[in-house]
Amino acid sequence: EKYLAWEELLSDAMVARGAEPMVSRMAAAMAVAGLRIAVREWI
């Protein structure tokens, strides 16, 4: 749920900065997925 919340924050912020909504959602999902995987490996 934390990662989903961060995806939404990132996506909304990118849209507010001029990015296309669908592209922003995909970019945020991929970027946050990388973080989630890295954090699990780190732990």
Full PDB file with SEQRES, HELIX, SHEET, SSBOND, CRYST1, ORIGX, SCALE, CONECT and MASTER records, all heavy atoms in Angstrom:
SEQRES   1 A   43  GLU LYS TYR LEU ALA TRP GLU GLU LEU LEU SER ASP ALA          
SEQRES   2 A   43  MET VAL ALA ARG GLY ALA GLU PRO MET VAL SER ARG MET          
SEQRES   3 A   43  ALA ALA ALA MET ALA VAL ALA GLY LEU ARG ILE ALA VAL          
SEQRES   4 A   43  ARG GLU TRP ILE                                              
HELIX    1 AA1 LYS A    2  ALA A   16  1                                  15    
HELIX    2 AA2 PRO A   21  TRP A   42  1                                  22    
CRYST1    1.000    1.000    1.000  90.00  90.00  90.00 P 1           1          
ORIGX1      1.000000  0.000000  0.000000        0.00000                         
ORIGX2      0.000000  1.000000  0.000000        0.00000                         
ORIGX3      0.000000  0.000000  1.000000        0.00000                         
SCALE1      1.000000  0.000000  0.000000        0.00000                         
SCALE2      0.000000  1.000000  0.000000        0.00000                         
SCALE3      0.000000  0.000000  1.000000        0.00000                         
ATOM      1  N   GLU A   1       0.819  -1.208   0.000  1.00  0.00           N  
ATOM      2  CA  GLU A   1       0.000   0.000   0.000  1.00  0.00           C  
ATOM      3  C   GLU A   1       0.858   1.266   0.000  1.00  0.00           C  
ATOM      4  O   GLU A   1       0.492   2.279  -0.592  1.00  0.00           O  
ATOM      5  CB  GLU A   1      -0.948  -0.001   1.202  1.00  0.00           C  
ATOM      6  CG  GLU A   1      -2.003  -1.103   1.126  1.00  0.00           C  
ATOM      7  CD  GLU A   1      -2.932  -1.092   2.314  1.00  0.00           C  
ATOM      8  OE1 GLU A   1      -3.213   0.011   2.852  1.00  0.00           O  
ATOM      9  OE2 GLU A   1      -3.378  -2.183   2.741  1.00  0.00           O  
ATOM     10  N   LYS A   2       2.007   1.202   0.690  1.00  0.00           N  
ATOM     11  CA  LYS A   2       2.902   2.364   0.676  1.00  0.00           C  
ATOM     12  C   LYS A   2       3.379   2.651  -0.738  1.00  0.00           C  
ATOM     13  O   LYS A   2       3.369   3.809  -1.190  1.00  0.00           O  
ATOM     14  CB  LYS A   2       4.111   2.112   1.573  1.00  0.00           C  
ATOM     15  CG  LYS A   2       5.129   3.246   1.536  1.00  0.00           C  
ATOM     16  CD  LYS A   2       6.427   2.889   2.225  1.00  0.00           C  
ATOM     17  CE  LYS A   2       7.354   2.129   1.298  1.00  0.00           C  
ATOM     18  NZ  LYS A   2       8.713   1.976   1.863  1.00  0.00           N  
ATOM     19  N   TYR A   3       3.763   1.600  -1.447  1.00  0.00           N  
ATOM     20  CA  TYR A   3       4.283   1.785  -2.799  1.00  0.00           C  
ATOM     21  C   TYR A   3       3.201   2.274  -3.756  1.00  0.00           C  
ATOM     22  O   TYR A   3       3.462   3.091  -4.647  1.00  0.00           O  
ATOM     23  CB  TYR A   3       4.925   0.494  -3.291  1.00  0.00           C  
ATOM     24  CG  TYR A   3       6.141   0.106  -2.478  1.00  0.00           C  
ATOM     25  CD1 TYR A   3       6.115  -0.982  -1.615  1.00  0.00           C  
ATOM     26  CD2 TYR A   3       7.318   0.844  -2.560  1.00  0.00           C  
ATOM     27  CE1 TYR A   3       7.226  -1.327  -0.861  1.00  0.00           C  
ATOM     28  CE2 TYR A   3       8.433   0.513  -1.813  1.00  0.00           C  
ATOM     29  CZ  TYR A   3       8.387  -0.570  -0.960  1.00  0.00           C  
ATOM     30  OH  TYR A   3       9.484  -0.897  -0.205  1.00  0.00           O  
ATOM     31  N   LEU A   4       1.979   1.789  -3.566  1.00  0.00           N  
ATOM     32  CA  LEU A   4       0.875   2.278  -4.392  1.00  0.00           C  
ATOM     33  C   LEU A   4       0.627   3.763  -4.150  1.00  0.00           C  
ATOM     34  O   LEU A   4       0.354   4.528  -5.087  1.00  0.00           O  
ATOM     35  CB  LEU A   4      -0.397   1.479  -4.106  1.00  0.00           C  
ATOM     36  CG  LEU A   4      -0.421   0.035  -4.613  1.00  0.00           C  
ATOM     37  CD1 LEU A   4      -1.679  -0.666  -4.138  1.00  0.00           C  
ATOM     38  CD2 LEU A   4      -0.338   0.001  -6.141  1.00  0.00           C  
ATOM     39  N   ALA A   5       0.725   4.179  -2.885  1.00  0.00           N  
ATOM     40  CA  ALA A   5       0.529   5.592  -2.556  1.00  0.00           C  
ATOM     41  C   ALA A   5       1.618   6.444  -3.191  1.00  0.00           C  
ATOM     42  O   ALA A   5       1.347   7.540  -3.711  1.00  0.00           O  
ATOM     43  CB  ALA A   5       0.531   5.778  -1.039  1.00  0.00           C  
ATOM     44  N   TRP A   6       2.856   5.943  -3.177  1.00  0.00           N  
ATOM     45  CA  TRP A   6       3.960   6.686  -3.793  1.00  0.00           C  
ATOM     46  C   TRP A   6       3.801   6.747  -5.312  1.00  0.00           C  
ATOM     47  O   TRP A   6       4.133   7.756  -5.931  1.00  0.00           O  
ATOM     48  CB  TRP A   6       5.289   6.043  -3.415  1.00  0.00           C  
ATOM     49  CG  TRP A   6       5.735   6.393  -2.027  1.00  0.00           C  
ATOM     50  CD1 TRP A   6       4.949   6.874  -1.013  1.00  0.00           C  
ATOM     51  CD2 TRP A   6       7.050   6.302  -1.495  1.00  0.00           C  
ATOM     52  NE1 TRP A   6       5.697   7.064   0.114  1.00  0.00           N  
ATOM     53  CE2 TRP A   6       6.989   6.721  -0.150  1.00  0.00           C  
ATOM     54  CE3 TRP A   6       8.268   5.879  -2.016  1.00  0.00           C  
ATOM     55  CZ2 TRP A   6       8.114   6.753   0.679  1.00  0.00           C  
ATOM     56  CZ3 TRP A   6       9.383   5.910  -1.192  1.00  0.00           C  
ATOM     57  CH2 TRP A   6       9.306   6.345   0.133  1.00  0.00           C  
ATOM     58  N   GLU A   7       3.312   5.667  -5.918  1.00  0.00           N  
ATOM     59  CA  GLU A   7       3.045   5.684  -7.361  1.00  0.00           C  
ATOM     60  C   GLU A   7       2.075   6.806  -7.708  1.00  0.00           C  
ATOM     61  O   GLU A   7       2.278   7.557  -8.674  1.00  0.00           O  
ATOM     62  CB  GLU A   7       2.429   4.348  -7.803  1.00  0.00           C  
ATOM     63  CG  GLU A   7       3.401   3.232  -8.047  1.00  0.00           C  
ATOM     64  CD  GLU A   7       2.690   1.998  -8.561  1.00  0.00           C  
ATOM     65  OE1 GLU A   7       1.667   2.155  -9.278  1.00  0.00           O  
ATOM     66  OE2 GLU A   7       3.124   0.883  -8.247  1.00  0.00           O  
ATOM     67  N   GLU A   8       1.011   6.900  -6.939  1.00  0.00           N  
ATOM     68  CA  GLU A   8      -0.010   7.909  -7.214  1.00  0.00           C  
ATOM     69  C   GLU A   8       0.553   9.315  -7.041  1.00  0.00           C  
ATOM     70  O   GLU A   8       0.289  10.209  -7.857  1.00  0.00           O  
ATOM     71  CB  GLU A   8      -1.215   7.699  -6.291  1.00  0.00           C  
ATOM     72  CG  GLU A   8      -2.384   8.604  -6.613  1.00  0.00           C  
ATOM     73  CD  GLU A   8      -3.624   8.270  -5.817  1.00  0.00           C  
ATOM     74  OE1 GLU A   8      -3.678   7.191  -5.190  1.00  0.00           O  
ATOM     75  OE2 GLU A   8      -4.557   9.096  -5.822  1.00  0.00           O  
ATOM     76  N   LEU A   9       1.343   9.516  -5.973  1.00  0.00           N  
ATOM     77  CA  LEU A   9       1.942  10.831  -5.750  1.00  0.00           C  
ATOM     78  C   LEU A   9       2.853  11.226  -6.913  1.00  0.00           C  
ATOM     79  O   LEU A   9       2.790  12.349  -7.417  1.00  0.00           O  
ATOM     80  CB  LEU A   9       2.750  10.817  -4.451  1.00  0.00           C  
ATOM     81  CG  LEU A   9       1.990  11.021  -3.144  1.00  0.00           C  
ATOM     82  CD1 LEU A   9       2.927  10.788  -1.956  1.00  0.00           C  
ATOM     83  CD2 LEU A   9       1.397  12.422  -3.075  1.00  0.00           C  
ATOM     84  N   LEU A  10       3.712  10.292  -7.319  1.00  0.00           N  
ATOM     85  CA  LEU A  10       4.636  10.570  -8.419  1.00  0.00           C  
ATOM     86  C   LEU A  10       3.883  10.844  -9.723  1.00  0.00           C  
ATOM     87  O   LEU A  10       4.191  11.790 -10.454  1.00  0.00           O  
ATOM     88  CB  LEU A  10       5.583   9.384  -8.623  1.00  0.00           C  
ATOM     89  CG  LEU A  10       6.907   9.385  -7.863  1.00  0.00           C  
ATOM     90  CD1 LEU A  10       7.686   8.108  -8.174  1.00  0.00           C  
ATOM     91  CD2 LEU A  10       7.749  10.607  -8.206  1.00  0.00           C  
ATOM     92  N   SER A  11       2.915   9.997 -10.016  1.00  0.00           N  
ATOM     93  CA  SER A  11       2.154  10.150 -11.247  1.00  0.00           C  
ATOM     94  C   SER A  11       1.432  11.490 -11.290  1.00  0.00           C  
ATOM     95  O   SER A  11       1.501  12.225 -12.283  1.00  0.00           O  
ATOM     96  CB  SER A  11       1.140   9.007 -11.364  1.00  0.00           C  
ATOM     97  OG  SER A  11       0.322   9.174 -12.501  1.00  0.00           O  
ATOM     98  N   ASP A  12       0.745  11.836 -10.200  1.00  0.00           N  
ATOM     99  CA  ASP A  12       0.016  13.114 -10.155  1.00  0.00           C  
ATOM    100  C   ASP A  12       0.978  14.296 -10.295  1.00  0.00           C  
ATOM    101  O   ASP A  12       0.663  15.287 -10.964  1.00  0.00           O  
ATOM    102  CB  ASP A  12      -0.764  13.229  -8.840  1.00  0.00           C  
ATOM    103  CG  ASP A  12      -1.951  12.288  -8.783  1.00  0.00           C  
ATOM    104  OD1 ASP A  12      -2.304  11.698  -9.823  1.00  0.00           O  
ATOM    105  OD2 ASP A  12      -2.522  12.126  -7.678  1.00  0.00           O  
ATOM    106  N   ALA A  13       2.138  14.187  -9.648  1.00  0.00           N  
ATOM    107  CA  ALA A  13       3.110  15.280  -9.714  1.00  0.00           C  
ATOM    108  C   ALA A  13       3.660  15.447 -11.129  1.00  0.00           C  
ATOM    109  O   ALA A  13       3.878  16.573 -11.593  1.00  0.00           O  
ATOM    110  CB  ALA A  13       4.252  15.026  -8.732  1.00  0.00           C  
ATOM    111  N   MET A  14       3.884  14.347 -11.830  1.00  0.00           N  
ATOM    112  CA  MET A  14       4.390  14.434 -13.197  1.00  0.00           C  
ATOM    113  C   MET A  14       3.342  15.018 -14.140  1.00  0.00           C  
ATOM    114  O   MET A  14       3.665  15.807 -15.029  1.00  0.00           O  
ATOM    115  CB  MET A  14       4.867  13.061 -13.677  1.00  0.00           C  
ATOM    116  CG  MET A  14       6.181  12.645 -13.044  1.00  0.00           C  
ATOM    117  SD  MET A  14       6.950  11.197 -13.830  1.00  0.00           S  
ATOM    118  CE  MET A  14       5.822   9.916 -13.314  1.00  0.00           C  
ATOM    119  N   VAL A  15       2.092  14.635 -13.934  1.00  0.00           N  
ATOM    120  CA  VAL A  15       1.012  15.217 -14.741  1.00  0.00           C  
ATOM    121  C   VAL A  15       0.940  16.722 -14.504  1.00  0.00           C  
ATOM    122  O   VAL A  15       0.786  17.515 -15.433  1.00  0.00           O  
ATOM    123  CB  VAL A  15      -0.337  14.549 -14.407  1.00  0.00           C  
ATOM    124  CG1 VAL A  15      -1.492  15.319 -15.051  1.00  0.00           C  
ATOM    125  CG2 VAL A  15      -0.341  13.102 -14.884  1.00  0.00           C  
ATOM    126  N   ALA A  16       1.088  17.124 -13.233  1.00  0.00           N  
ATOM    127  CA  ALA A  16       1.055  18.550 -12.908  1.00  0.00           C  
ATOM    128  C   ALA A  16       2.216  19.305 -13.544  1.00  0.00           C  
ATOM    129  O   ALA A  16       2.134  20.521 -13.757  1.00  0.00           O  
ATOM    130  CB  ALA A  16       1.098  18.737 -11.388  1.00  0.00           C  
ATOM    131  N   ARG A  17       3.281  18.571 -13.893  1.00  0.00           N  
ATOM    132  CA  ARG A  17       4.456  19.181 -14.527  1.00  0.00           C  
ATOM    133  C   ARG A  17       4.439  19.010 -16.042  1.00  0.00           C  
ATOM    134  O   ARG A  17       5.452  19.214 -16.702  1.00  0.00           O  
ATOM    135  CB  ARG A  17       5.735  18.601 -13.916  1.00  0.00           C  
ATOM    136  CG  ARG A  17       5.998  19.089 -12.486  1.00  0.00           C  
ATOM    137  CD  ARG A  17       6.932  18.143 -11.740  1.00  0.00           C  
ATOM    138  NE  ARG A  17       7.323  18.654 -10.443  1.00  0.00           N  
ATOM    139  CZ  ARG A  17       6.556  18.604  -9.354  1.00  0.00           C  
ATOM    140  NH1 ARG A  17       5.330  18.092  -9.431  1.00  0.00           N  
ATOM    141  NH2 ARG A  17       6.986  19.081  -8.200  1.00  0.00           N  
ATOM    142  N   GLY A  18       3.302  18.601 -16.589  1.00  0.00           N  
ATOM    143  CA  GLY A  18       3.135  18.583 -18.029  1.00  0.00           C  
ATOM    144  C   GLY A  18       3.225  17.244 -18.716  1.00  0.00           C  
ATOM    145  O   GLY A  18       3.095  17.166 -19.934  1.00  0.00           O  
ATOM    146  N   ALA A  19       3.444  16.148 -17.972  1.00  0.00           N  
ATOM    147  CA  ALA A  19       3.539  14.828 -18.588  1.00  0.00           C  
ATOM    148  C   ALA A  19       2.142  14.282 -18.897  1.00  0.00           C  
ATOM    149  O   ALA A  19       1.152  14.670 -18.274  1.00  0.00           O  
ATOM    150  CB  ALA A  19       4.286  13.869 -17.676  1.00  0.00           C  
ATOM    151  N   GLU A  20       2.065  13.366 -19.861  1.00  0.00           N  
ATOM    152  CA  GLU A  20       0.784  12.749 -20.203  1.00  0.00           C  
ATOM    153  C   GLU A  20       0.354  11.795 -19.087  1.00  0.00           C  
ATOM    154  O   GLU A  20       1.182  11.063 -18.551  1.00  0.00           O  
ATOM    155  CB  GLU A  20       0.902  11.978 -21.514  1.00  0.00           C  
ATOM    156  CG  GLU A  20       1.203  12.852 -22.732  1.00  0.00           C  
ATOM    157  CD  GLU A  20       1.304  12.026 -24.000  1.00  0.00           C  
ATOM    158  OE1 GLU A  20       0.893  10.850 -23.965  1.00  0.00           O  
ATOM    159  OE2 GLU A  20       1.781  12.558 -25.005  1.00  0.00           O  
ATOM    160  N   PRO A  21      -0.926  11.766 -18.740  1.00  0.00           N  
ATOM    161  CA  PRO A  21      -1.391  10.959 -17.610  1.00  0.00           C  
ATOM    162  C   PRO A  21      -1.048   9.474 -17.705  1.00  0.00           C  
ATOM    163  O   PRO A  21      -0.527   8.892 -16.746  1.00  0.00           O  
ATOM    164  CB  PRO A  21      -2.917  11.184 -17.631  1.00  0.00           C  
ATOM    165  CG  PRO A  21      -3.072  12.535 -18.239  1.00  0.00           C  
ATOM    166  CD  PRO A  21      -2.004  12.631 -19.283  1.00  0.00           C  
ATOM    167  N   MET A  22      -1.337   8.828 -18.840  1.00  0.00           N  
ATOM    168  CA  MET A  22      -1.079   7.396 -18.940  1.00  0.00           C  
ATOM    169  C   MET A  22       0.421   7.091 -18.874  1.00  0.00           C  
ATOM    170  O   MET A  22       0.851   6.147 -18.200  1.00  0.00           O  
ATOM    171  CB  MET A  22      -1.673   6.815 -20.222  1.00  0.00           C  
ATOM    172  CG  MET A  22      -1.539   5.291 -20.299  1.00  0.00           C  
ATOM    173  SD  MET A  22      -2.404   4.567 -21.718  1.00  0.00           S  
ATOM    174  CE  MET A  22      -4.102   4.909 -21.277  1.00  0.00           C  
ATOM    175  N   VAL A  23       1.219   7.902 -19.558  1.00  0.00           N  
ATOM    176  CA  VAL A  23       2.672   7.730 -19.527  1.00  0.00           C  
ATOM    177  C   VAL A  23       3.188   7.939 -18.104  1.00  0.00           C  
ATOM    178  O   VAL A  23       4.066   7.219 -17.631  1.00  0.00           O  
ATOM    179  CB  VAL A  23       3.355   8.709 -20.499  1.00  0.00           C  
ATOM    180  CG1 VAL A  23       4.872   8.662 -20.344  1.00  0.00           C  
ATOM    181  CG2 VAL A  23       2.968   8.369 -21.934  1.00  0.00           C  
ATOM    182  N   SER A  24       2.635   8.914 -17.406  1.00  0.00           N  
ATOM    183  CA  SER A  24       3.050   9.193 -16.033  1.00  0.00           C  
ATOM    184  C   SER A  24       2.744   8.020 -15.117  1.00  0.00           C  
ATOM    185  O   SER A  24       3.566   7.654 -14.264  1.00  0.00           O  
ATOM    186  CB  SER A  24       2.345  10.449 -15.510  1.00  0.00           C  
ATOM    187  OG  SER A  24       2.740  11.580 -16.249  1.00  0.00           O  
ATOM    188  N   ARG A  25       1.570   7.431 -15.288  1.00  0.00           N  
ATOM    189  CA  ARG A  25       1.210   6.290 -14.436  1.00  0.00           C  
ATOM    190  C   ARG A  25       2.156   5.122 -14.669  1.00  0.00           C  
ATOM    191  O   ARG A  25       2.586   4.445 -13.724  1.00  0.00           O  
ATOM    192  CB  ARG A  25      -0.244   5.877 -14.700  1.00  0.00           C  
ATOM    193  CG  ARG A  25      -1.263   6.849 -14.115  1.00  0.00           C  
ATOM    194  CD  ARG A  25      -2.655   6.251 -14.079  1.00  0.00           C  
ATOM    195  NE  ARG A  25      -3.210   6.061 -15.419  1.00  0.00           N  
ATOM    196  CZ  ARG A  25      -3.897   6.994 -16.080  1.00  0.00           C  
ATOM    197  NH1 ARG A  25      -4.079   8.191 -15.540  1.00  0.00           N  
ATOM    198  NH2 ARG A  25      -4.381   6.750 -17.282  1.00  0.00           N  
ATOM    199  N   MET A  26       2.479   4.844 -15.928  1.00  0.00           N  
ATOM    200  CA  MET A  26       3.397   3.750 -16.228  1.00  0.00           C  
ATOM    201  C   MET A  26       4.802   4.046 -15.693  1.00  0.00           C  
ATOM    202  O   MET A  26       5.456   3.185 -15.098  1.00  0.00           O  
ATOM    203  CB  MET A  26       3.453   3.504 -17.738  1.00  0.00           C  
ATOM    204  CG  MET A  26       4.446   2.411 -18.143  1.00  0.00           C  
ATOM    205  SD  MET A  26       4.092   0.798 -17.380  1.00  0.00           S  
ATOM    206  CE  MET A  26       2.734   0.264 -18.433  1.00  0.00           C  
ATOM    207  N   ALA A  27       5.278   5.271 -15.903  1.00  0.00           N  
ATOM    208  CA  ALA A  27       6.615   5.639 -15.437  1.00  0.00           C  
ATOM    209  C   ALA A  27       6.708   5.542 -13.919  1.00  0.00           C  
ATOM    210  O   ALA A  27       7.690   5.013 -13.371  1.00  0.00           O  
ATOM    211  CB  ALA A  27       6.953   7.059 -15.895  1.00  0.00           C  
ATOM    212  N   ALA A  28       5.690   6.024 -13.222  1.00  0.00           N  
ATOM    213  CA  ALA A  28       5.689   5.970 -11.762  1.00  0.00           C  
ATOM    214  C   ALA A  28       5.653   4.522 -11.271  1.00  0.00           C  
ATOM    215  O   ALA A  28       6.357   4.152 -10.328  1.00  0.00           O  
ATOM    216  CB  ALA A  28       4.505   6.751 -11.206  1.00  0.00           C  
ATOM    217  N   ALA A  29       4.839   3.695 -11.929  1.00  0.00           N  
ATOM    218  CA  ALA A  29       4.731   2.286 -11.525  1.00  0.00           C  
ATOM    219  C   ALA A  29       6.064   1.564 -11.696  1.00  0.00           C  
ATOM    220  O   ALA A  29       6.491   0.795 -10.818  1.00  0.00           O  
ATOM    221  CB  ALA A  29       3.643   1.595 -12.342  1.00  0.00           C  
ATOM    222  N   MET A  30       6.742   1.814 -12.806  1.00  0.00           N  
ATOM    223  CA  MET A  30       8.017   1.141 -13.059  1.00  0.00           C  
ATOM    224  C   MET A  30       9.102   1.635 -12.105  1.00  0.00           C  
ATOM    225  O   MET A  30       9.902   0.845 -11.585  1.00  0.00           O  
ATOM    226  CB  MET A  30       8.436   1.361 -14.513  1.00  0.00           C  
ATOM    227  CG  MET A  30       7.522   0.682 -15.512  1.00  0.00           C  
ATOM    228  SD  MET A  30       7.944   1.051 -17.235  1.00  0.00           S  
ATOM    229  CE  MET A  30       9.444   0.098 -17.423  1.00  0.00           C  
ATOM    230  N   ALA A  31       9.137   2.935 -11.869  1.00  0.00           N  
ATOM    231  CA  ALA A  31      10.150   3.490 -10.975  1.00  0.00           C  
ATOM    232  C   ALA A  31       9.959   3.004  -9.547  1.00  0.00           C  
ATOM    233  O   ALA A  31      10.926   2.627  -8.870  1.00  0.00           O  
ATOM    234  CB  ALA A  31      10.102   5.020 -11.032  1.00  0.00           C  
ATOM    235  N   VAL A  32       8.726   2.988  -9.067  1.00  0.00           N  
ATOM    236  CA  VAL A  32       8.457   2.540  -7.701  1.00  0.00           C  
ATOM    237  C   VAL A  32       8.667   1.038  -7.573  1.00  0.00           C  
ATOM    238  O   VAL A  32       9.122   0.548  -6.538  1.00  0.00           O  
ATOM    239  CB  VAL A  32       7.034   2.949  -7.273  1.00  0.00           C  
ATOM    240  CG1 VAL A  32       6.672   2.337  -5.928  1.00  0.00           C  
ATOM    241  CG2 VAL A  32       6.929   4.473  -7.191  1.00  0.00           C  
ATOM    242  N   ALA A  33       8.371   0.279  -8.641  1.00  0.00           N  
ATOM    243  CA  ALA A  33       8.637  -1.162  -8.612  1.00  0.00           C  
ATOM    244  C   ALA A  33      10.130  -1.426  -8.428  1.00  0.00           C  
ATOM    245  O   ALA A  33      10.534  -2.330  -7.678  1.00  0.00           O  
ATOM    246  CB  ALA A  33       8.145  -1.814  -9.897  1.00  0.00           C  
ATOM    247  N   GLY A  34      10.960  -0.623  -9.095  1.00  0.00           N  
ATOM    248  CA  GLY A  34      12.407  -0.766  -8.913  1.00  0.00           C  
ATOM    249  C   GLY A  34      12.821  -0.504  -7.480  1.00  0.00           C  
ATOM    250  O   GLY A  34      13.671  -1.212  -6.923  1.00  0.00           O  
ATOM    251  N   LEU A  35      12.224   0.501  -6.874  1.00  0.00           N  
ATOM    252  CA  LEU A  35      12.510   0.806  -5.470  1.00  0.00           C  
ATOM    253  C   LEU A  35      12.103  -0.354  -4.571  1.00  0.00           C  
ATOM    254  O   LEU A  35      12.859  -0.767  -3.678  1.00  0.00           O  
ATOM    255  CB  LEU A  35      11.774   2.078  -5.057  1.00  0.00           C  
ATOM    256  CG  LEU A  35      11.851   2.433  -3.569  1.00  0.00           C  
ATOM    257  CD1 LEU A  35      13.283   2.746  -3.161  1.00  0.00           C  
ATOM    258  CD2 LEU A  35      10.930   3.608  -3.250  1.00  0.00           C  
ATOM    259  N   ARG A  36      10.902  -0.881  -4.806  1.00  0.00           N  
ATOM    260  CA  ARG A  36      10.413  -1.994  -3.969  1.00  0.00           C  
ATOM    261  C   ARG A  36      11.351  -3.191  -4.036  1.00  0.00           C  
ATOM    262  O   ARG A  36      11.692  -3.791  -3.009  1.00  0.00           O  
ATOM    263  CB  ARG A  36       9.005  -2.390  -4.432  1.00  0.00           C  
ATOM    264  CG  ARG A  36       8.423  -3.582  -3.677  1.00  0.00           C  
ATOM    265  CD  ARG A  36       7.002  -3.855  -4.147  1.00  0.00           C  
ATOM    266  NE  ARG A  36       6.926  -4.065  -5.583  1.00  0.00           N  
ATOM    267  CZ  ARG A  36       7.225  -5.203  -6.189  1.00  0.00           C  
ATOM    268  NH1 ARG A  36       7.646  -6.250  -5.479  1.00  0.00           N  
ATOM    269  NH2 ARG A  36       7.116  -5.315  -7.498  1.00  0.00           N  
ATOM    270  N   ILE A  37      11.803  -3.528  -5.240  1.00  0.00           N  
ATOM    271  CA  ILE A  37      12.703  -4.665  -5.413  1.00  0.00           C  
ATOM    272  C   ILE A  37      14.043  -4.392  -4.732  1.00  0.00           C  
ATOM    273  O   ILE A  37      14.596  -5.257  -4.025  1.00  0.00           O  
ATOM    274  CB  ILE A  37      12.902  -4.958  -6.911  1.00  0.00           C  
ATOM    275  CG1 ILE A  37      11.598  -5.483  -7.506  1.00  0.00           C  
ATOM    276  CG2 ILE A  37      14.035  -5.956  -7.128  1.00  0.00           C  
ATOM    277  CD1 ILE A  37      11.575  -5.504  -9.018  1.00  0.00           C  
ATOM    278  N   ALA A  38      14.570  -3.190  -4.914  1.00  0.00           N  
ATOM    279  CA  ALA A  38      15.853  -2.833  -4.312  1.00  0.00           C  
ATOM    280  C   ALA A  38      15.770  -2.864  -2.784  1.00  0.00           C  
ATOM    281  O   ALA A  38      16.695  -3.346  -2.112  1.00  0.00           O  
ATOM    282  CB  ALA A  38      16.288  -1.451  -4.783  1.00  0.00           C  
ATOM    283  N   VAL A  39      14.677  -2.373  -2.236  1.00  0.00           N  
ATOM    284  CA  VAL A  39      14.516  -2.358  -0.780  1.00  0.00           C  
ATOM    285  C   VAL A  39      14.475  -3.774  -0.216  1.00  0.00           C  
ATOM    286  O   VAL A  39      15.094  -4.070   0.819  1.00  0.00           O  
ATOM    287  CB  VAL A  39      13.248  -1.570  -0.381  1.00  0.00           C  
ATOM    288  CG1 VAL A  39      12.893  -1.821   1.084  1.00  0.00           C  
ATOM    289  CG2 VAL A  39      13.454  -0.082  -0.623  1.00  0.00           C  
ATOM    290  N   ARG A  40      13.766  -4.661  -0.891  1.00  0.00           N  
ATOM    291  CA  ARG A  40      13.699  -6.050  -0.409  1.00  0.00           C  
ATOM    292  C   ARG A  40      15.077  -6.709  -0.434  1.00  0.00           C  
ATOM    293  O   ARG A  40      15.448  -7.443   0.491  1.00  0.00           O  
ATOM    294  CB  ARG A  40      12.703  -6.861  -1.243  1.00  0.00           C  
ATOM    295  CG  ARG A  40      11.257  -6.445  -1.020  1.00  0.00           C  
ATOM    296  CD  ARG A  40      10.290  -7.499  -1.488  1.00  0.00           C  
ATOM    297  NE  ARG A  40      10.360  -8.699  -0.654  1.00  0.00           N  
ATOM    298  CZ  ARG A  40       9.594  -9.765  -0.826  1.00  0.00           C  
ATOM    299  NH1 ARG A  40       8.705  -9.777  -1.809  1.00  0.00           N  
ATOM    300  NH2 ARG A  40       9.702 -10.811  -0.048  1.00  0.00           N  
ATOM    301  N   GLU A  41      15.848  -6.455  -1.487  1.00  0.00           N  
ATOM    302  CA  GLU A  41      17.202  -7.004  -1.554  1.00  0.00           C  
ATOM    303  C   GLU A  41      18.092  -6.402  -0.466  1.00  0.00           C  
ATOM    304  O   GLU A  41      18.927  -7.082   0.123  1.00  0.00           O  
ATOM    305  CB  GLU A  41      17.810  -6.727  -2.933  1.00  0.00           C  
ATOM    306  CG  GLU A  41      17.157  -7.512  -4.060  1.00  0.00           C  
ATOM    307  CD  GLU A  41      17.362  -9.007  -3.908  1.00  0.00           C  
ATOM    308  OE1 GLU A  41      18.473  -9.431  -3.520  1.00  0.00           O  
ATOM    309  OE2 GLU A  41      16.399  -9.762  -4.168  1.00  0.00           O  
ATOM    310  N   TRP A  42      17.908  -5.121  -0.215  1.00  0.00           N  
ATOM    311  CA  TRP A  42      18.693  -4.426   0.811  1.00  0.00           C  
ATOM    312  C   TRP A  42      18.403  -4.992   2.199  1.00  0.00           C  
ATOM    313  O   TRP A  42      19.317  -5.249   2.978  1.00  0.00           O  
ATOM    314  CB  TRP A  42      18.373  -2.935   0.739  1.00  0.00           C  
ATOM    315  CG  TRP A  42      19.132  -2.076   1.711  1.00  0.00           C  
ATOM    316  CD1 TRP A  42      20.480  -1.851   1.720  1.00  0.00           C  
ATOM    317  CD2 TRP A  42      18.575  -1.307   2.781  1.00  0.00           C  
ATOM    318  NE1 TRP A  42      20.796  -0.983   2.742  1.00  0.00           N  
ATOM    319  CE2 TRP A  42      19.647  -0.639   3.404  1.00  0.00           C  
ATOM    320  CE3 TRP A  42      17.285  -1.115   3.267  1.00  0.00           C  
ATOM    321  CZ2 TRP A  42      19.461   0.220   4.498  1.00  0.00           C  
ATOM    322  CZ3 TRP A  42      17.103  -0.270   4.350  1.00  0.00           C  
ATOM    323  CH2 TRP A  42      18.172   0.383   4.959  1.00  0.00           C  
ATOM    324  N   ILE A  43      17.132  -5.205   2.481  1.00  0.00           N  
ATOM    325  CA  ILE A  43      16.757  -5.779   3.777  1.00  0.00           C  
ATOM    326  C   ILE A  43      17.279  -7.205   3.896  1.00  0.00           C  
ATOM    327  O   ILE A  43      17.797  -7.614   4.944  1.00  0.00           O  
ATOM    328  CB  ILE A  43      15.226  -5.738   3.967  1.00  0.00           C  
ATOM    329  CG1 ILE A  43      14.748  -4.284   4.073  1.00  0.00           C  
ATOM    330  CG2 ILE A  43      14.811  -6.521   5.209  1.00  0.00           C  
ATOM    331  CD1 ILE A  43      13.248  -4.133   4.012  1.00  0.00           C  
TER     332      ILE A  43                                                      
MASTER        0    0    0    2    0    0    0    6  331    1    0    4          
END                                                                             
